[in-house]
Amino acid sequence: MLESDAVVIGSPTYFGNVSTEVKALIDRAGLVGMVNNGIFKRKIGAGVVAVRRGGSVEAFHSINNLFHLNQMIIPGSGYWTIGYGLAPEDVASDEESMRTLANLADNMIWLLDKIK
């Protein structure tokens, strides 16, 4: 994360929130960033969440809290970057989610270009 200009964190939704592994990353990286003079400040951060039915907004929010609290820049995408489905192919066939993810990618590329 220190060497990156942009960070994308993705998680499945488990019990209405991020996975245990992503939560550990959020807690550890978040604290490290905050106690080291904002080492992630002004980096680009984006959260992506996969879900079967519900709980995804809380997971999405949990990832974005890491970015907000570390003064990172979160590009918009026109909607929440959440993919719906039980299997990976289900998410890939969710056209609205795929458009939203493509918007996020375009906006991240544009923003990286402007920052550099």
N, C-alpha and C. Protein backbone atom coordinates (compact mmCIF):
# COMPACT_ATOMS: atom_id res chain seq x y z
N MET A 1 0.82 -1.19 0.00
CA MET A 1 0.00 0.00 0.00
C MET A 1 0.86 1.26 0.00
N LEU A 2 1.99 1.20 0.68
CA LEU A 2 2.87 2.36 0.74
C LEU A 2 3.40 2.74 -0.64
N GLU A 3 3.70 1.77 -1.46
CA GLU A 3 4.29 2.03 -2.77
C GLU A 3 3.25 2.25 -3.86
N SER A 4 1.99 2.08 -3.55
CA SER A 4 0.93 2.19 -4.55
C SER A 4 0.37 3.60 -4.61
N ASP A 5 -0.07 3.99 -5.80
CA ASP A 5 -0.79 5.26 -5.95
C ASP A 5 -2.27 5.07 -5.67
N ALA A 6 -2.75 3.84 -5.89
CA ALA A 6 -4.16 3.52 -5.68
C ALA A 6 -4.28 2.15 -5.03
N VAL A 7 -5.32 2.00 -4.23
CA VAL A 7 -5.57 0.75 -3.52
C VAL A 7 -7.03 0.36 -3.75
N VAL A 8 -7.24 -0.88 -4.19
CA VAL A 8 -8.58 -1.42 -4.31
C VAL A 8 -8.67 -2.58 -3.33
N ILE A 9 -9.65 -2.51 -2.44
CA ILE A 9 -9.88 -3.58 -1.48
C ILE A 9 -11.24 -4.19 -1.79
N GLY A 10 -11.26 -5.48 -1.96
CA GLY A 10 -12.50 -6.19 -2.24
C GLY A 10 -12.80 -7.22 -1.18
N SER A 11 -14.08 -7.48 -0.97
CA SER A 11 -14.46 -8.47 0.02
C SER A 11 -15.79 -9.10 -0.34
N PRO A 12 -15.94 -10.37 -0.02
CA PRO A 12 -17.29 -10.93 -0.03
C PRO A 12 -18.02 -10.39 1.20
N THR A 13 -19.32 -10.51 1.21
CA THR A 13 -20.11 -10.08 2.36
C THR A 13 -20.43 -11.30 3.21
N TYR A 14 -19.92 -11.30 4.44
CA TYR A 14 -20.19 -12.38 5.39
C TYR A 14 -20.92 -11.80 6.59
N PHE A 15 -22.10 -12.26 6.86
CA PHE A 15 -22.88 -11.81 8.01
C PHE A 15 -23.00 -10.30 8.06
N GLY A 16 -23.22 -9.70 6.89
CA GLY A 16 -23.48 -8.27 6.81
C GLY A 16 -22.25 -7.39 6.89
N ASN A 17 -21.06 -7.96 6.68
CA ASN A 17 -19.86 -7.14 6.72
C ASN A 17 -18.75 -7.80 5.92
N VAL A 18 -17.56 -7.22 5.98
CA VAL A 18 -16.41 -7.75 5.26
C VAL A 18 -15.95 -9.06 5.87
N SER A 19 -15.11 -9.78 5.13
CA SER A 19 -14.53 -11.02 5.64
C SER A 19 -13.57 -10.72 6.78
N THR A 20 -13.25 -11.74 7.54
CA THR A 20 -12.30 -11.60 8.65
C THR A 20 -10.96 -11.07 8.17
N GLU A 21 -10.50 -11.58 7.04
CA GLU A 21 -9.20 -11.16 6.51
C GLU A 21 -9.19 -9.69 6.12
N VAL A 22 -10.26 -9.24 5.49
CA VAL A 22 -10.33 -7.82 5.10
C VAL A 22 -10.46 -6.94 6.34
N LYS A 23 -11.21 -7.39 7.33
CA LYS A 23 -11.33 -6.62 8.57
C LYS A 23 -9.98 -6.48 9.24
N ALA A 24 -9.17 -7.55 9.25
CA ALA A 24 -7.82 -7.47 9.83
C ALA A 24 -6.97 -6.46 9.07
N LEU A 25 -7.06 -6.48 7.73
CA LEU A 25 -6.32 -5.51 6.92
C LEU A 25 -6.75 -4.08 7.26
N ILE A 26 -8.05 -3.85 7.33
CA ILE A 26 -8.57 -2.52 7.65
C ILE A 26 -8.03 -2.05 9.01
N ASP A 27 -8.12 -2.90 10.01
CA ASP A 27 -7.69 -2.52 11.36
C ASP A 27 -6.19 -2.25 11.41
N ARG A 28 -5.40 -3.12 10.80
CA ARG A 28 -3.95 -2.98 10.88
C ARG A 28 -3.45 -1.83 10.02
N ALA A 29 -3.86 -1.80 8.75
CA ALA A 29 -3.40 -0.72 7.86
C ALA A 29 -3.94 0.63 8.33
N GLY A 30 -5.16 0.64 8.80
CA GLY A 30 -5.75 1.90 9.26
C GLY A 30 -4.97 2.51 10.40
N LEU A 31 -4.65 1.70 11.38
CA LEU A 31 -3.90 2.21 12.52
C LEU A 31 -2.48 2.61 12.12
N VAL A 32 -1.83 1.78 11.33
CA VAL A 32 -0.47 2.11 10.87
C VAL A 32 -0.46 3.44 10.13
N GLY A 33 -1.45 3.65 9.26
CA GLY A 33 -1.52 4.90 8.52
C GLY A 33 -1.74 6.10 9.41
N MET A 34 -2.61 5.94 10.38
CA MET A 34 -2.95 7.07 11.25
C MET A 34 -1.83 7.45 12.20
N VAL A 35 -1.10 6.48 12.72
CA VAL A 35 -0.04 6.80 13.70
C VAL A 35 1.29 7.12 13.04
N ASN A 36 1.35 7.06 11.74
CA ASN A 36 2.58 7.38 11.00
C ASN A 36 2.38 8.59 10.10
N ASN A 37 1.81 9.62 10.67
CA ASN A 37 1.66 10.91 10.00
C ASN A 37 0.91 10.83 8.68
N GLY A 38 -0.10 9.99 8.62
CA GLY A 38 -0.95 9.94 7.43
C GLY A 38 -0.24 9.42 6.19
N ILE A 39 0.46 8.30 6.30
CA ILE A 39 1.25 7.80 5.18
C ILE A 39 0.41 7.41 3.96
N PHE A 40 -0.89 7.25 4.14
CA PHE A 40 -1.75 6.92 3.00
C PHE A 40 -2.52 8.15 2.48
N LYS A 41 -2.28 9.30 3.08
CA LYS A 41 -2.98 10.52 2.72
C LYS A 41 -2.84 10.82 1.23
N ARG A 42 -3.97 11.12 0.61
CA ARG A 42 -4.08 11.50 -0.80
C ARG A 42 -3.80 10.36 -1.78
N LYS A 43 -3.70 9.14 -1.31
CA LYS A 43 -3.70 8.00 -2.22
C LYS A 43 -5.15 7.74 -2.60
N ILE A 44 -5.35 7.08 -3.71
CA ILE A 44 -6.71 6.76 -4.16
C ILE A 44 -7.10 5.42 -3.55
N GLY A 45 -8.33 5.34 -3.07
CA GLY A 45 -8.82 4.09 -2.50
C GLY A 45 -10.21 3.78 -2.99
N ALA A 46 -10.47 2.51 -3.31
CA ALA A 46 -11.79 2.09 -3.77
C ALA A 46 -12.14 0.74 -3.17
N GLY A 47 -13.35 0.62 -2.72
CA GLY A 47 -13.85 -0.64 -2.19
C GLY A 47 -14.78 -1.32 -3.18
N VAL A 48 -14.68 -2.65 -3.25
CA VAL A 48 -15.52 -3.47 -4.12
C VAL A 48 -16.04 -4.63 -3.28
N VAL A 49 -17.33 -4.89 -3.38
CA VAL A 49 -17.95 -5.90 -2.52
C VAL A 49 -18.78 -6.86 -3.36
N ALA A 50 -18.72 -8.12 -2.99
CA ALA A 50 -19.58 -9.14 -3.60
C ALA A 50 -20.58 -9.62 -2.55
N VAL A 51 -21.81 -9.87 -3.00
CA VAL A 51 -22.87 -10.26 -2.05
C VAL A 51 -23.88 -11.16 -2.74
N ARG A 52 -24.48 -12.02 -1.97
CA ARG A 52 -25.56 -12.86 -2.51
C ARG A 52 -26.88 -12.09 -2.47
N ARG A 53 -27.22 -11.53 -1.31
CA ARG A 53 -28.48 -10.81 -1.19
C ARG A 53 -28.35 -9.50 -0.42
N GLY A 54 -27.96 -9.54 0.85
CA GLY A 54 -27.98 -8.33 1.66
C GLY A 54 -26.73 -8.17 2.51
N GLY A 55 -26.58 -6.97 3.07
CA GLY A 55 -25.46 -6.68 3.95
C GLY A 55 -24.29 -6.01 3.28
N SER A 56 -24.40 -5.81 1.99
CA SER A 56 -23.26 -5.30 1.23
C SER A 56 -22.94 -3.84 1.52
N VAL A 57 -23.92 -3.04 1.82
CA VAL A 57 -23.67 -1.61 2.05
C VAL A 57 -22.81 -1.44 3.30
N GLU A 58 -23.05 -2.23 4.31
CA GLU A 58 -22.22 -2.16 5.52
C GLU A 58 -20.79 -2.59 5.21
N ALA A 59 -20.62 -3.63 4.42
CA ALA A 59 -19.28 -4.06 4.03
C ALA A 59 -18.57 -2.96 3.22
N PHE A 60 -19.29 -2.38 2.28
CA PHE A 60 -18.76 -1.29 1.46
C PHE A 60 -18.34 -0.12 2.36
N HIS A 61 -19.18 0.21 3.31
CA HIS A 61 -18.92 1.30 4.25
C HIS A 61 -17.68 1.00 5.10
N SER A 62 -17.53 -0.22 5.54
CA SER A 62 -16.37 -0.59 6.36
C SER A 62 -15.06 -0.36 5.62
N ILE A 63 -15.03 -0.74 4.35
CA ILE A 63 -13.82 -0.52 3.55
C ILE A 63 -13.57 0.98 3.37
N ASN A 64 -14.62 1.71 3.06
CA ASN A 64 -14.45 3.15 2.84
C ASN A 64 -14.06 3.90 4.11
N ASN A 65 -14.43 3.38 5.28
CA ASN A 65 -13.99 4.01 6.53
C ASN A 65 -12.47 4.06 6.60
N LEU A 66 -11.81 2.98 6.17
CA LEU A 66 -10.34 2.97 6.15
C LEU A 66 -9.83 4.14 5.31
N PHE A 67 -10.41 4.32 4.13
CA PHE A 67 -9.95 5.38 3.24
C PHE A 67 -10.25 6.77 3.79
N HIS A 68 -11.46 6.95 4.30
CA HIS A 68 -11.82 8.27 4.86
C HIS A 68 -10.94 8.64 6.05
N LEU A 69 -10.77 7.73 6.98
CA LEU A 69 -10.02 8.03 8.19
C LEU A 69 -8.54 8.25 7.92
N ASN A 70 -8.05 7.76 6.78
CA ASN A 70 -6.66 7.97 6.40
C ASN A 70 -6.50 9.04 5.33
N GLN A 71 -7.54 9.86 5.13
CA GLN A 71 -7.52 11.00 4.22
C GLN A 71 -7.19 10.60 2.79
N MET A 72 -7.70 9.46 2.38
CA MET A 72 -7.49 8.99 1.01
C MET A 72 -8.61 9.53 0.12
N ILE A 73 -8.43 9.46 -1.17
CA ILE A 73 -9.39 9.97 -2.15
C ILE A 73 -10.19 8.79 -2.69
N ILE A 74 -11.51 8.89 -2.60
CA ILE A 74 -12.39 7.82 -3.07
C ILE A 74 -13.13 8.31 -4.31
N PRO A 75 -12.81 7.75 -5.49
CA PRO A 75 -13.51 8.18 -6.70
C PRO A 75 -14.92 7.61 -6.75
N GLY A 76 -15.81 8.33 -7.37
CA GLY A 76 -17.18 7.85 -7.54
C GLY A 76 -17.29 6.88 -8.71
N SER A 77 -18.45 6.24 -8.78
CA SER A 77 -18.66 5.27 -9.85
C SER A 77 -20.09 5.30 -10.37
N GLY A 78 -20.90 6.21 -9.87
CA GLY A 78 -22.30 6.29 -10.29
C GLY A 78 -23.23 5.47 -9.43
N TYR A 79 -22.69 4.51 -8.69
CA TYR A 79 -23.47 3.67 -7.79
C TYR A 79 -22.48 2.92 -6.92
N TRP A 80 -22.94 2.19 -5.94
CA TRP A 80 -22.05 1.42 -5.09
C TRP A 80 -21.42 0.32 -5.93
N THR A 81 -20.14 0.07 -5.69
CA THR A 81 -19.43 -0.97 -6.44
C THR A 81 -19.63 -2.32 -5.75
N ILE A 82 -20.83 -2.86 -5.99
CA ILE A 82 -21.27 -4.10 -5.37
C ILE A 82 -21.73 -5.04 -6.47
N GLY A 83 -21.19 -6.25 -6.46
CA GLY A 83 -21.60 -7.27 -7.41
C GLY A 83 -22.53 -8.27 -6.73
N TYR A 84 -23.62 -8.61 -7.39
CA TYR A 84 -24.63 -9.51 -6.81
C TYR A 84 -24.59 -10.87 -7.48
N GLY A 85 -24.64 -11.92 -6.66
CA GLY A 85 -24.72 -13.27 -7.19
C GLY A 85 -24.18 -14.29 -6.21
N LEU A 86 -24.51 -15.53 -6.45
CA LEU A 86 -24.02 -16.62 -5.61
C LEU A 86 -22.66 -17.11 -6.10
N ALA A 87 -22.49 -17.22 -7.39
CA ALA A 87 -21.25 -17.72 -7.99
C ALA A 87 -20.58 -16.59 -8.78
N PRO A 88 -19.27 -16.68 -9.01
CA PRO A 88 -18.58 -15.63 -9.77
C PRO A 88 -19.23 -15.33 -11.12
N GLU A 89 -19.70 -16.35 -11.80
CA GLU A 89 -20.33 -16.10 -13.10
C GLU A 89 -21.64 -15.33 -12.96
N ASP A 90 -22.29 -15.44 -11.79
CA ASP A 90 -23.51 -14.66 -11.55
C ASP A 90 -23.18 -13.18 -11.49
N VAL A 91 -22.12 -12.84 -10.79
CA VAL A 91 -21.70 -11.44 -10.68
C VAL A 91 -21.28 -10.91 -12.05
N ALA A 92 -20.56 -11.72 -12.80
CA ALA A 92 -20.10 -11.29 -14.13
C ALA A 92 -21.27 -11.02 -15.08
N SER A 93 -22.39 -11.67 -14.86
CA SER A 93 -23.56 -11.45 -15.73
C SER A 93 -24.47 -10.33 -15.21
N ASP A 94 -24.13 -9.73 -14.09
CA ASP A 94 -24.89 -8.60 -13.55
C ASP A 94 -24.43 -7.34 -14.28
N GLU A 95 -25.15 -6.99 -15.34
CA GLU A 95 -24.72 -5.90 -16.22
C GLU A 95 -24.58 -4.56 -15.51
N GLU A 96 -25.49 -4.25 -14.62
CA GLU A 96 -25.42 -2.97 -13.90
C GLU A 96 -24.16 -2.91 -13.04
N SER A 97 -23.86 -3.98 -12.34
CA SER A 97 -22.65 -4.02 -11.52
C SER A 97 -21.40 -3.89 -12.38
N MET A 98 -21.40 -4.55 -13.53
CA MET A 98 -20.23 -4.49 -14.41
C MET A 98 -20.04 -3.07 -14.95
N ARG A 99 -21.13 -2.37 -15.27
CA ARG A 99 -21.03 -0.97 -15.72
C ARG A 99 -20.48 -0.09 -14.59
N THR A 100 -20.97 -0.33 -13.38
CA THR A 100 -20.51 0.45 -12.24
C THR A 100 -19.03 0.24 -11.98
N LEU A 101 -18.58 -1.01 -12.08
CA LEU A 101 -17.16 -1.30 -11.90
C LEU A 101 -16.31 -0.69 -13.02
N ALA A 102 -16.84 -0.71 -14.24
CA ALA A 102 -16.13 -0.07 -15.36
C ALA A 102 -16.02 1.44 -15.14
N ASN A 103 -17.10 2.06 -14.63
CA ASN A 103 -17.05 3.49 -14.30
C ASN A 103 -16.00 3.77 -13.25
N LEU A 104 -15.94 2.91 -12.23
CA LEU A 104 -14.93 3.08 -11.19
C LEU A 104 -13.53 3.02 -11.80
N ALA A 105 -13.29 2.03 -12.62
CA ALA A 105 -11.97 1.89 -13.26
C ALA A 105 -11.63 3.11 -14.09
N ASP A 106 -12.58 3.58 -14.90
CA ASP A 106 -12.35 4.78 -15.72
C ASP A 106 -12.03 5.99 -14.84
N ASN A 107 -12.79 6.16 -13.76
CA ASN A 107 -12.57 7.31 -12.89
C ASN A 107 -11.25 7.21 -12.13
N MET A 108 -10.85 5.99 -11.76
CA MET A 108 -9.56 5.83 -11.10
C MET A 108 -8.41 6.16 -12.06
N ILE A 109 -8.53 5.70 -13.29
CA ILE A 109 -7.49 5.99 -14.29
C ILE A 109 -7.41 7.50 -14.54
N TRP A 110 -8.55 8.14 -14.70
CA TRP A 110 -8.59 9.58 -14.92
C TRP A 110 -7.94 10.32 -13.74
N LEU A 111 -8.32 9.92 -12.54
CA LEU A 111 -7.81 10.59 -11.35
C LEU A 111 -6.30 10.37 -11.18
N LEU A 112 -5.84 9.15 -11.43
CA LEU A 112 -4.40 8.88 -11.38
C LEU A 112 -3.64 9.75 -12.37
N ASP A 113 -4.20 9.92 -13.56
CA ASP A 113 -3.59 10.77 -14.57
C ASP A 113 -3.50 12.21 -14.09
N LYS A 114 -4.56 12.70 -13.46
CA LYS A 114 -4.59 14.09 -12.97
C LYS A 114 -3.59 14.29 -11.83
N ILE A 115 -3.49 13.30 -10.96
CA ILE A 115 -2.58 13.42 -9.81
C ILE A 115 -1.13 13.36 -10.25
N LYS A 116 -0.84 12.51 -11.23
CA LYS A 116 0.53 12.36 -11.71
C LYS A 116 0.88 13.47 -12.67
